[in-house]
Amino acid sequence: MNEFLQKLAETLEVPNLKADDKLKSFPQWDSLAVLSIIAMVDANYSVNLQAADLGSIDSPEELWTLVQSKKSA
């Protein structure tokens, strides 16, 4: 998960992220960030997410869990 946190931090252009950070509290969190995260997840983990999938996601840990669940599906 550390690699995922690092890639997510790069995508959001923040120095670092913790698993329990609140994603929506970052000023960078907007529709462009959502699209960038979708692209990053697709490129690095071969998982296709929709913007609606991120609507209920609060933390990087929840996003990682979602990616893993879709990867194994």
Protein backbone atom coordinates (compact mmCIF):
# COMPACT_ATOMS: atom_id res chain seq x y z
CA MET A 1 0.00 0.00 0.00
CA ASN A 2 2.97 2.34 0.49
CA GLU A 3 3.55 2.48 -3.26
CA PHE A 4 -0.14 3.25 -3.78
CA LEU A 5 0.01 6.08 -1.23
CA GLN A 6 3.06 7.49 -2.96
CA LYS A 7 1.40 7.39 -6.40
CA LEU A 8 -1.78 8.93 -4.97
CA ALA A 9 0.22 11.72 -3.31
CA GLU A 10 1.94 12.44 -6.63
CA THR A 11 -1.42 12.50 -8.40
CA LEU A 12 -2.86 14.94 -5.85
CA GLU A 13 0.39 16.92 -5.82
CA VAL A 14 0.82 16.70 -2.05
CA PRO A 15 4.06 15.83 -0.22
CA ASN A 16 2.67 12.68 1.41
CA LEU A 17 -0.51 10.88 2.39
CA LYS A 18 -1.46 8.64 5.28
CA ALA A 19 -3.92 5.78 4.91
CA ASP A 20 -6.49 7.53 7.11
CA ASP A 21 -6.29 11.05 5.62
CA LYS A 22 -9.58 12.54 4.48
CA LEU A 23 -9.21 12.94 0.73
CA LYS A 24 -12.01 15.47 0.39
CA SER A 25 -10.30 17.76 2.90
CA PHE A 26 -7.43 18.45 0.49
CA PRO A 27 -7.80 21.68 -1.50
CA GLN A 28 -6.60 19.72 -4.55
CA TRP A 29 -9.65 17.43 -4.36
CA ASP A 30 -11.83 18.37 -7.33
CA SER A 31 -13.23 16.79 -10.47
CA LEU A 32 -9.83 16.95 -12.18
CA ALA A 33 -8.25 15.13 -9.23
CA VAL A 34 -10.91 12.42 -9.49
CA LEU A 35 -10.18 11.96 -13.20
CA SER A 36 -6.44 11.90 -12.50
CA ILE A 37 -6.91 9.23 -9.83
CA ILE A 38 -9.03 7.15 -12.20
CA ALA A 39 -6.27 7.39 -14.84
CA MET A 40 -3.53 6.56 -12.32
CA VAL A 41 -5.40 3.50 -11.03
CA ASP A 42 -6.06 2.29 -14.57
CA ALA A 43 -2.44 2.78 -15.68
CA ASN A 44 -0.80 1.26 -12.60
CA TYR A 45 -3.29 -1.36 -11.43
CA SER A 46 -5.35 -2.15 -14.55
CA VAL A 47 -8.56 -1.35 -12.69
CA ASN A 48 -11.29 0.71 -14.32
CA LEU A 49 -13.03 3.04 -11.89
CA GLN A 50 -15.89 5.41 -12.50
CA ALA A 51 -16.18 8.86 -10.93
CA ALA A 52 -19.24 7.56 -9.04
CA ASP A 53 -17.03 4.90 -7.42
CA LEU A 54 -15.06 7.63 -5.69
CA GLY A 55 -18.14 9.41 -4.35
CA SER A 56 -18.32 7.32 -1.19
CA ILE A 57 -14.54 7.07 -0.70
CA ASP A 58 -13.21 9.06 2.25
CA SER A 59 -9.62 7.88 2.68
CA PRO A 60 -6.72 6.46 0.70
CA GLU A 61 -7.22 3.20 2.60
CA GLU A 62 -10.83 2.95 1.38
CA LEU A 63 -9.67 3.71 -2.16
CA TRP A 64 -7.01 0.99 -1.92
CA THR A 65 -9.63 -1.49 -0.69
CA LEU A 66 -11.88 -0.58 -3.63
CA VAL A 67 -9.03 -1.03 -6.12
CA GLN A 68 -8.13 -4.41 -4.62
CA SER A 69 -11.75 -5.60 -4.66
CA LYS A 70 -12.17 -4.64 -8.32
CA LYS A 71 -8.81 -6.18 -9.22
CA SER A 72 -9.82 -9.56 -7.83
CA ALA A 73 -13.32 -9.42 -9.31
